[in-house]
Amino acid sequence: MSKISNYGIKPLRQLNFEDVKKVLKDPLHILVVEVLSCETFICSSGQGIYDIVEEVYIDSDISEQLISLEEEKVIFYHSLNDDELKNRLTMPHFFELWREDIYGHQPDEAYKKAKLMGLEGNYRD
């Protein structure tokens, strides 16, 4: 089932959890949530330049799972401070794999869970 986009009539592609994992694992994309409207976007993320690639729909179960994974420090979530993107989205936040070179040390238990789920952002020996 697709949700109608607020920006047009084209139905949004609905992502399942495997689709979300593919976006999170893609080093050139991030999953962006507009906090005020709860809209979700796949955005490019190369070299500090962020652009909306596609608006997508994720259901509340997946949203809750992402929040739970973020709270457990399995994945990373933060506000996206990009002026150009903020011209289109008021309060963009993003989900991404936990990358220790960028976000600091990931707790060991969180890393183990990320690895079990195929969501590790870095590889430890």
C-alpha atoms as a PDB file:
ATOM      1  CA  MET A   1       0.000   0.000   0.000  1.00  0.00           C
ATOM      2  CA  SER A   2       1.384   3.406  -0.942  1.00  0.00           C
ATOM      3  CA  LYS A   3       0.840   6.749   0.667  1.00  0.00           C
ATOM      4  CA  ILE A   4       0.029   9.797  -1.466  1.00  0.00           C
ATOM      5  CA  SER A   5       2.810  12.361  -1.510  1.00  0.00           C
ATOM      6  CA  ASN A   6       2.098  15.835  -0.159  1.00  0.00           C
ATOM      7  CA  TYR A   7       4.123  17.201  -3.068  1.00  0.00           C
ATOM      8  CA  GLY A   8       2.119  15.639  -5.900  1.00  0.00           C
ATOM      9  CA  ILE A   9      -0.143  12.799  -6.909  1.00  0.00           C
ATOM     10  CA  LYS A  10       2.485  10.161  -7.524  1.00  0.00           C
ATOM     11  CA  PRO A  11       2.220   7.355  -4.932  1.00  0.00           C
ATOM     12  CA  LEU A  12       5.223   6.977  -2.686  1.00  0.00           C
ATOM     13  CA  ARG A  13       7.307   3.859  -2.716  1.00  0.00           C
ATOM     14  CA  GLN A  14       6.822   2.018   0.580  1.00  0.00           C
ATOM     15  CA  LEU A  15      10.040   0.725   2.106  1.00  0.00           C
ATOM     16  CA  ASN A  16      10.158  -2.473   4.118  1.00  0.00           C
ATOM     17  CA  PHE A  17      12.927  -3.002   6.679  1.00  0.00           C
ATOM     18  CA  GLU A  18      15.230  -4.685   4.137  1.00  0.00           C
ATOM     19  CA  ASP A  19      14.845  -1.627   1.855  1.00  0.00           C
ATOM     20  CA  VAL A  20      15.690   0.653   4.785  1.00  0.00           C
ATOM     21  CA  LYS A  21      18.795  -1.426   5.554  1.00  0.00           C
ATOM     22  CA  LYS A  22      19.942  -1.029   1.929  1.00  0.00           C
ATOM     23  CA  VAL A  23      19.639   2.757   2.217  1.00  0.00           C
ATOM     24  CA  LEU A  24      21.481   2.797   5.549  1.00  0.00           C
ATOM     25  CA  LYS A  25      24.315   0.661   4.146  1.00  0.00           C
ATOM     26  CA  ASP A  26      24.703   2.783   1.011  1.00  0.00           C
ATOM     27  CA  PRO A  27      27.607   5.191   1.669  1.00  0.00           C
ATOM     28  CA  LEU A  28      26.193   7.707  -0.823  1.00  0.00           C
ATOM     29  CA  HIS A  29      22.724   7.987   0.728  1.00  0.00           C
ATOM     30  CA  ILE A  30      21.056   8.677   4.071  1.00  0.00           C
ATOM     31  CA  LEU A  31      17.496   8.280   5.298  1.00  0.00           C
ATOM     32  CA  VAL A  32      16.126  11.715   6.195  1.00  0.00           C
ATOM     33  CA  VAL A  33      13.024  12.359   8.285  1.00  0.00           C
ATOM     34  CA  GLU A  34      11.287  15.724   8.323  1.00  0.00           C
ATOM     35  CA  VAL A  35      10.510  15.828  12.042  1.00  0.00           C
ATOM     36  CA  LEU A  36       7.518  18.173  11.869  1.00  0.00           C
ATOM     37  CA  SER A  37       5.622  16.394   9.085  1.00  0.00           C
ATOM     38  CA  CYS A  38       7.051  12.862   9.589  1.00  0.00           C
ATOM     39  CA  GLU A  39       7.816  12.646   5.868  1.00  0.00           C
ATOM     40  CA  THR A  40      10.734  10.442   4.899  1.00  0.00           C
ATOM     41  CA  PHE A  41      13.269  10.957   2.127  1.00  0.00           C
ATOM     42  CA  ILE A  42      16.264   9.225   0.650  1.00  0.00           C
ATOM     43  CA  CYS A  43      18.947  11.864   0.212  1.00  0.00           C
ATOM     44  CA  SER A  44      22.333  11.811  -1.437  1.00  0.00           C
ATOM     45  CA  SER A  45      25.145  12.557   0.990  1.00  0.00           C
ATOM     46  CA  GLY A  46      28.347  12.931  -0.951  1.00  0.00           C
ATOM     47  CA  GLN A  47      31.037  15.375   0.179  1.00  0.00           C
ATOM     48  CA  GLY A  48      28.774  17.342   2.508  1.00  0.00           C
ATOM     49  CA  ILE A  49      26.187  18.015  -0.208  1.00  0.00           C
ATOM     50  CA  TYR A  50      22.705  16.719   0.531  1.00  0.00           C
ATOM     51  CA  ASP A  51      19.943  16.498  -2.046  1.00  0.00           C
ATOM     52  CA  ILE A  52      16.571  14.770  -2.017  1.00  0.00           C
ATOM     53  CA  VAL A  53      16.581  11.742  -4.302  1.00  0.00           C
ATOM     54  CA  GLU A  54      13.144  10.351  -3.478  1.00  0.00           C
ATOM     55  CA  GLU A  55      10.337  10.788  -0.996  1.00  0.00           C
ATOM     56  CA  VAL A  56       9.373   7.392   0.442  1.00  0.00           C
ATOM     57  CA  TYR A  57       6.932   5.955   2.940  1.00  0.00           C
ATOM     58  CA  ILE A  58       7.847   3.848   5.958  1.00  0.00           C
ATOM     59  CA  ASP A  59       5.151   2.545   8.270  1.00  0.00           C
ATOM     60  CA  SER A  60       4.984   3.191  12.000  1.00  0.00           C
ATOM     61  CA  ASP A  61       6.411  -0.249  12.904  1.00  0.00           C
ATOM     62  CA  ILE A  62       9.602   0.461  10.945  1.00  0.00           C
ATOM     63  CA  SER A  63       9.770   3.994  12.336  1.00  0.00           C
ATOM     64  CA  GLU A  64       9.568   2.584  15.857  1.00  0.00           C
ATOM     65  CA  GLN A  65      12.232   0.001  15.030  1.00  0.00           C
ATOM     66  CA  LEU A  66      14.570   2.740  13.748  1.00  0.00           C
ATOM     67  CA  ILE A  67      14.024   4.769  16.918  1.00  0.00           C
ATOM     68  CA  SER A  68      14.710   1.707  19.061  1.00  0.00           C
ATOM     69  CA  LEU A  69      17.914   0.934  17.141  1.00  0.00           C
ATOM     70  CA  GLU A  70      19.037   4.538  17.546  1.00  0.00           C
ATOM     71  CA  GLU A  71      18.317   4.494  21.286  1.00  0.00           C
ATOM     72  CA  GLU A  72      20.424   1.322  21.579  1.00  0.00           C
ATOM     73  CA  LYS A  73      23.213   3.070  19.583  1.00  0.00           C
ATOM     74  CA  VAL A  74      23.006   0.416  16.842  1.00  0.00           C
ATOM     75  CA  ILE A  75      22.486   3.124  14.214  1.00  0.00           C
ATOM     76  CA  PHE A  76      23.084   6.877  14.302  1.00  0.00           C
ATOM     77  CA  TYR A  77      20.412   9.619  14.290  1.00  0.00           C
ATOM     78  CA  HIS A  78      20.973  13.365  14.344  1.00  0.00           C
ATOM     79  CA  SER A  79      19.754  16.680  13.000  1.00  0.00           C
ATOM     80  CA  LEU A  80      20.988  17.583   9.548  1.00  0.00           C
ATOM     81  CA  ASN A  81      22.379  21.095   9.511  1.00  0.00           C
ATOM     82  CA  ASP A  82      22.420  21.853   5.789  1.00  0.00           C
ATOM     83  CA  ASP A  83      21.129  25.290   4.786  1.00  0.00           C
ATOM     84  CA  GLU A  84      20.126  24.297   1.272  1.00  0.00           C
ATOM     85  CA  LEU A  85      18.184  21.260   2.458  1.00  0.00           C
ATOM     86  CA  LYS A  86      16.592  23.372   5.213  1.00  0.00           C
ATOM     87  CA  ASN A  87      15.133  25.574   2.457  1.00  0.00           C
ATOM     88  CA  ARG A  88      13.026  22.536   1.530  1.00  0.00           C
ATOM     89  CA  LEU A  89      12.648  20.775   4.901  1.00  0.00           C
ATOM     90  CA  THR A  90      12.177  22.671   8.154  1.00  0.00           C
ATOM     91  CA  MET A  91      13.684  20.185  10.624  1.00  0.00           C
ATOM     92  CA  PRO A  92      15.551  17.432   8.768  1.00  0.00           C
ATOM     93  CA  HIS A  93      17.082  14.617  10.815  1.00  0.00           C
ATOM     94  CA  PHE A  94      18.853  11.573   9.455  1.00  0.00           C
ATOM     95  CA  PHE A  95      19.473   7.908  10.166  1.00  0.00           C
ATOM     96  CA  GLU A  96      22.751   6.316   9.129  1.00  0.00           C
ATOM     97  CA  LEU A  97      25.009   3.437  10.097  1.00  0.00           C
ATOM     98  CA  TRP A  98      27.191   4.206  13.108  1.00  0.00           C
ATOM     99  CA  ARG A  99      30.548   5.238  11.631  1.00  0.00           C
ATOM    100  CA  GLU A 100      33.130   5.443  14.420  1.00  0.00           C
ATOM    101  CA  ASP A 101      35.470   7.684  12.421  1.00  0.00           C
ATOM    102  CA  ILE A 102      32.692  10.288  12.308  1.00  0.00           C
ATOM    103  CA  TYR A 103      30.448   9.673  15.350  1.00  0.00           C
ATOM    104  CA  GLY A 104      32.872   8.286  17.910  1.00  0.00           C
ATOM    105  CA  HIS A 105      33.077   4.908  19.597  1.00  0.00           C
ATOM    106  CA  GLN A 106      30.023   2.681  19.295  1.00  0.00           C
ATOM    107  CA  PRO A 107      29.316   0.705  22.473  1.00  0.00           C
ATOM    108  CA  ASP A 108      30.413  -2.933  22.183  1.00  0.00           C
ATOM    109  CA  GLU A 109      26.917  -4.430  22.698  1.00  0.00           C
ATOM    110  CA  ALA A 110      25.477  -2.049  20.109  1.00  0.00           C
ATOM    111  CA  TYR A 111      28.210  -3.001  17.644  1.00  0.00           C
ATOM    112  CA  LYS A 112      27.500  -6.710  18.197  1.00  0.00           C
ATOM    113  CA  LYS A 113      23.809  -6.173  17.481  1.00  0.00           C
ATOM    114  CA  ALA A 114      24.604  -4.035  14.434  1.00  0.00           C
ATOM    115  CA  LYS A 115      26.882  -6.767  13.120  1.00  0.00           C
ATOM    116  CA  LEU A 116      24.225  -9.451  13.674  1.00  0.00           C
ATOM    117  CA  MET A 117      21.747  -7.328  11.719  1.00  0.00           C
ATOM    118  CA  GLY A 118      24.208  -6.496   8.934  1.00  0.00           C
ATOM    119  CA  LEU A 119      24.236  -2.846   9.979  1.00  0.00           C
ATOM    120  CA  GLU A 120      27.814  -2.338  11.165  1.00  0.00           C
ATOM    121  CA  GLY A 121      29.247   0.916   9.861  1.00  0.00           C
ATOM    122  CA  ASN A 122      32.848  -0.052  10.514  1.00  0.00           C
ATOM    123  CA  TYR A 123      34.677  -3.296  10.913  1.00  0.00           C
ATOM    124  CA  ARG A 124      36.518  -4.242  14.057  1.00  0.00           C
ATOM    125  CA  ASP A 125      39.138  -6.943  14.315  1.00  0.00           C
END
